[in-house]
N, C-alpha and C. Protein backbone atom coordinates (compact mmCIF):
# COMPACT_ATOMS: atom_id res chain seq x y z
N MET A 1 3.09 18.76 8.03
CA MET A 1 3.46 17.62 6.23
C MET A 1 2.41 15.60 7.80
N ALA A 2 1.27 15.19 6.77
CA ALA A 2 1.52 13.97 7.27
C ALA A 2 1.31 13.63 6.19
N THR A 3 1.00 11.66 5.96
CA THR A 3 1.18 11.14 5.27
C THR A 3 0.28 10.14 5.91
N ILE A 4 -0.80 9.25 5.16
CA ILE A 4 -1.76 8.87 5.02
C ILE A 4 -1.18 7.70 4.19
N ILE A 5 -1.71 5.93 4.27
CA ILE A 5 -1.52 4.45 3.65
C ILE A 5 -2.67 4.71 3.41
N ILE A 6 -2.84 4.47 1.99
CA ILE A 6 -3.97 3.85 1.54
C ILE A 6 -4.00 2.20 0.52
N ARG A 7 -4.97 1.73 1.29
CA ARG A 7 -5.37 -0.02 0.69
C ARG A 7 -6.36 -0.53 -0.57
N ASN A 8 -6.10 -1.42 -1.17
CA ASN A 8 -7.08 -1.44 -1.40
C ASN A 8 -7.50 -1.39 -2.71
N LEU A 9 -6.06 -0.94 -3.94
CA LEU A 9 -7.33 0.12 -4.54
C LEU A 9 -7.00 -0.09 -6.16
N PRO A 10 -7.50 -0.64 -6.82
CA PRO A 10 -7.32 -0.59 -8.10
C PRO A 10 -6.46 -1.01 -9.25
N ASP A 11 -6.37 -1.35 -9.95
CA ASP A 11 -4.77 -1.43 -10.58
C ASP A 11 -4.69 -0.57 -11.11
N GLN A 12 -5.14 -0.18 -12.13
CA GLN A 12 -5.30 1.25 -12.69
C GLN A 12 -5.47 3.10 -12.25
N ILE A 13 -5.86 2.27 -10.93
CA ILE A 13 -5.66 3.87 -10.36
C ILE A 13 -4.36 4.95 -10.49
N THR A 14 -4.35 6.11 -10.75
CA THR A 14 -3.18 6.93 -11.21
C THR A 14 -2.56 8.24 -10.18
N GLU A 15 -1.54 8.58 -10.73
CA GLU A 15 -1.54 9.57 -9.34
C GLU A 15 -1.60 10.42 -9.16
N ASP A 16 -2.38 10.16 -10.53
CA ASP A 16 -3.65 11.25 -10.99
C ASP A 16 -4.47 11.92 -9.96
N ARG A 17 -4.77 10.86 -10.81
CA ARG A 17 -6.12 10.30 -9.80
C ARG A 17 -6.25 11.37 -7.50
N LEU A 18 -5.76 10.12 -7.51
CA LEU A 18 -5.96 10.19 -6.04
C LEU A 18 -5.22 11.91 -5.60
N ARG A 19 -3.71 12.04 -6.93
CA ARG A 19 -4.31 13.39 -6.46
C ARG A 19 -5.49 14.20 -6.06
N GLU A 20 -6.23 14.00 -7.27
CA GLU A 20 -7.82 14.16 -7.33
C GLU A 20 -8.88 14.85 -6.23
N LEU A 21 -9.31 13.11 -5.73
CA LEU A 21 -9.20 12.32 -4.86
C LEU A 21 -8.79 13.63 -3.26
N PHE A 22 -7.99 13.59 -3.27
CA PHE A 22 -7.61 13.42 -1.88
C PHE A 22 -6.56 15.33 -2.01
N GLY A 23 -6.64 16.27 -2.58
CA GLY A 23 -6.88 17.72 -2.74
C GLY A 23 -6.16 18.51 -3.16
N GLY A 24 -5.44 17.68 -4.44
CA GLY A 24 -4.94 18.96 -5.45
C GLY A 24 -2.90 19.00 -5.16
N GLU A 25 -3.09 19.40 -5.99
CA GLU A 25 -1.71 19.72 -5.74
C GLU A 25 -1.61 20.47 -4.49
N ALA A 26 -2.47 21.39 -3.67
CA ALA A 26 -1.52 21.78 -2.74
C ALA A 26 -2.18 21.27 -2.25
N LEU A 27 -2.66 20.63 -0.98
CA LEU A 27 -2.77 19.47 -0.18
C LEU A 27 -1.57 18.05 -0.55
N VAL A 28 -1.16 17.03 -1.70
CA VAL A 28 -1.05 17.07 -2.19
C VAL A 28 0.01 17.02 -1.99
N LYS A 29 2.17 16.36 -1.90
CA LYS A 29 3.25 16.72 -1.45
C LYS A 29 4.70 16.09 -2.66
N GLU A 30 3.34 14.09 -2.51
CA GLU A 30 4.15 13.24 -3.20
C GLU A 30 3.36 12.16 -3.02
N ILE A 31 3.42 11.38 -3.84
CA ILE A 31 2.42 9.77 -4.12
C ILE A 31 3.48 9.57 -4.39
N ASP A 32 3.40 7.86 -3.17
CA ASP A 32 4.14 6.17 -4.04
C ASP A 32 3.00 5.05 -4.20
N VAL A 33 2.46 4.78 -5.49
CA VAL A 33 1.95 4.12 -5.58
C VAL A 33 2.83 2.07 -6.37
N THR A 34 2.69 0.84 -5.08
CA THR A 34 2.84 0.40 -5.63
C THR A 34 2.50 -1.02 -5.44
N ASP A 35 2.67 -2.27 -5.49
CA ASP A 35 1.60 -3.05 -5.00
C ASP A 35 1.23 -3.47 -3.42
N ASP A 36 0.17 -3.98 -3.14
CA ASP A 36 0.42 -4.32 -2.14
C ASP A 36 0.86 -5.41 -1.41
N PRO A 37 2.17 -4.89 0.37
CA PRO A 37 2.53 -6.19 -0.12
C PRO A 37 2.22 -7.17 0.36
N ASN A 38 0.69 -6.91 1.09
CA ASN A 38 0.35 -7.99 1.28
C ASN A 38 -0.06 -9.84 0.48
N PRO A 39 0.67 -11.12 0.53
CA PRO A 39 0.78 -11.39 -0.76
C PRO A 39 -0.38 -12.09 -0.37
N ASN A 40 -2.18 -12.07 0.38
CA ASN A 40 -3.08 -12.56 -0.80
C ASN A 40 -3.95 -11.50 -1.39
N THR A 41 -3.31 -10.94 -1.66
CA THR A 41 -4.27 -9.60 -2.71
C THR A 41 -3.72 -9.22 -3.90
N THR A 42 -3.85 -8.31 -4.89
CA THR A 42 -2.78 -8.34 -6.06
C THR A 42 -3.52 -6.95 -6.41
N HIS A 43 -4.05 -6.36 -4.90
CA HIS A 43 -4.38 -4.56 -5.58
C HIS A 43 -2.66 -4.08 -4.92
N ARG A 44 -3.73 -3.15 -5.26
CA ARG A 44 -2.86 -1.50 -5.06
C ARG A 44 -2.96 -1.39 -3.57
N GLN A 45 -1.41 -0.36 -3.50
CA GLN A 45 -1.67 1.24 -1.95
C GLN A 45 -1.25 1.65 -2.74
N ALA A 46 -0.77 2.68 -1.38
CA ALA A 46 -0.62 4.86 -2.09
C ALA A 46 -0.41 5.19 -0.66
N ILE A 47 1.16 5.89 -0.51
CA ILE A 47 1.25 6.43 0.38
C ILE A 47 1.53 7.86 0.52
N LEU A 48 0.86 8.38 0.79
CA LEU A 48 0.20 9.95 0.00
C LEU A 48 1.24 10.92 1.54
N THR A 49 1.79 11.84 0.96
CA THR A 49 2.49 13.06 2.19
C THR A 49 1.29 13.20 1.41
N LEU A 50 0.66 14.40 2.93
CA LEU A 50 0.53 15.14 2.92
C LEU A 50 0.83 16.90 3.67
N GLU A 51 -0.06 18.18 3.06
CA GLU A 51 0.65 19.05 3.33
C GLU A 51 -0.57 19.43 4.49
N MET A 52 -1.00 18.81 5.99
CA MET A 52 -1.86 19.12 6.76
C MET A 52 -1.02 18.32 7.70
N SER A 53 -1.82 18.51 9.42
CA SER A 53 -1.36 18.05 10.96
C SER A 53 -1.23 16.66 10.31
N ALA A 54 -1.37 16.07 11.35
CA ALA A 54 -1.33 14.66 11.52
C ALA A 54 -3.27 14.17 11.96
N TYR A 55 -3.88 15.42 13.27
CA TYR A 55 -5.03 15.84 13.18
C TYR A 55 -5.17 15.78 11.72
N GLU A 56 -5.76 16.25 10.45
CA GLU A 56 -6.83 16.39 9.74
C GLU A 56 -6.46 15.26 9.22
N ALA A 57 -4.96 14.88 9.17
CA ALA A 57 -4.84 13.35 7.96
C ALA A 57 -6.49 12.33 8.91
N GLU A 58 -6.44 12.50 10.44
CA GLU A 58 -7.20 11.47 10.98
C GLU A 58 -8.01 11.85 10.56
N GLN A 59 -8.56 12.95 10.54
CA GLN A 59 -10.53 13.91 10.34
C GLN A 59 -10.73 13.18 8.30
N LEU A 60 -9.30 13.30 7.87
CA LEU A 60 -9.49 12.33 6.28
C LEU A 60 -9.61 11.95 6.12
N ALA A 61 -8.81 10.60 6.84
CA ALA A 61 -8.52 9.00 6.83
C ALA A 61 -10.44 8.69 7.20
N LYS A 62 -10.60 9.21 8.29
CA LYS A 62 -12.01 8.66 8.87
C LYS A 62 -12.77 9.07 7.81
N ARG A 63 -13.07 10.37 6.79
CA ARG A 63 -14.36 10.57 5.33
C ARG A 63 -14.53 10.16 5.06
N TYR A 64 -12.85 9.51 4.42
CA TYR A 64 -12.71 8.80 2.81
C TYR A 64 -13.25 7.22 3.87
N GLN A 65 -12.83 6.46 4.85
CA GLN A 65 -12.82 4.98 5.27
C GLN A 65 -14.15 4.31 4.28
N GLY A 66 -13.33 3.79 3.19
CA GLY A 66 -14.61 2.79 2.22
C GLY A 66 -15.24 3.57 1.75
N MET A 67 -14.63 4.30 1.36
CA MET A 67 -14.59 4.39 0.30
C MET A 67 -15.39 3.68 -0.73
N VAL A 68 -15.90 4.17 -1.77
CA VAL A 68 -15.51 3.41 -3.01
C VAL A 68 -15.01 3.32 -4.79
N ILE A 69 -13.58 2.72 -4.93
CA ILE A 69 -12.62 3.78 -6.20
C ILE A 69 -13.02 2.98 -6.83
N ASP A 70 -13.62 2.80 -8.70
CA ASP A 70 -14.05 1.19 -9.23
C ASP A 70 -14.24 -0.09 -8.65
N GLY A 71 -15.01 0.06 -7.30
CA GLY A 71 -15.21 -0.98 -6.89
C GLY A 71 -14.70 -1.96 -5.70
N HIS A 72 -13.53 -0.94 -5.44
CA HIS A 72 -12.53 -1.21 -4.34
C HIS A 72 -13.01 -0.44 -3.58
N ASP A 73 -13.17 -1.32 -1.89
CA ASP A 73 -13.61 -0.08 -0.81
C ASP A 73 -12.48 -0.49 -0.34
N ILE A 74 -12.10 1.39 0.03
CA ILE A 74 -10.11 1.20 -0.04
C ILE A 74 -10.30 1.26 1.57
N ARG A 75 -8.70 1.62 2.23
CA ARG A 75 -8.82 1.49 3.64
C ARG A 75 -8.11 2.53 4.22
N ILE A 76 -8.18 3.11 4.71
CA ILE A 76 -6.88 4.40 5.37
C ILE A 76 -6.64 4.69 6.41
N ALA A 77 -5.40 4.63 6.50
CA ALA A 77 -4.15 4.50 7.47
C ALA A 77 -3.59 5.50 8.03
N VAL A 78 -3.69 6.26 8.62
CA VAL A 78 -2.30 7.73 9.03
C VAL A 78 -1.16 6.72 10.13
N ALA A 79 0.12 7.46 8.67
CA ALA A 79 1.54 6.25 9.55
C ALA A 79 2.02 7.60 10.44
N HIS A 80 2.39 7.51 11.51
CA HIS A 80 2.44 8.05 12.85
C HIS A 80 4.29 7.72 12.86
N PHE A 81 5.38 8.54 12.92
CA PHE A 81 6.66 7.70 13.04
C PHE A 81 7.10 8.30 14.03
N MET A 82 7.68 7.78 14.85
CA MET A 82 8.27 8.34 16.02
C MET A 82 9.89 9.33 15.87
N GLY A 83 9.94 10.51 16.28
CA GLY A 83 10.48 11.24 15.83
C GLY A 83 12.55 11.55 16.83
């Protein structure tokens, strides 16, 4: 499993839209959409848990980095957890 953080999402983004964009039911196991914790923005962020390796998540982040969703250039980072 891998986790990615997507920032600068438009306010109206839905979990269904994110699931569709990032691989569907087979890959997206969990989605948590919240307000971006950055106090200088009013945008949304999403944390996605994906059924893939960390390497595959890094490749996905590179591929979709800067993608425009409803006029917002998204920023993607892979979360690396210490175990």
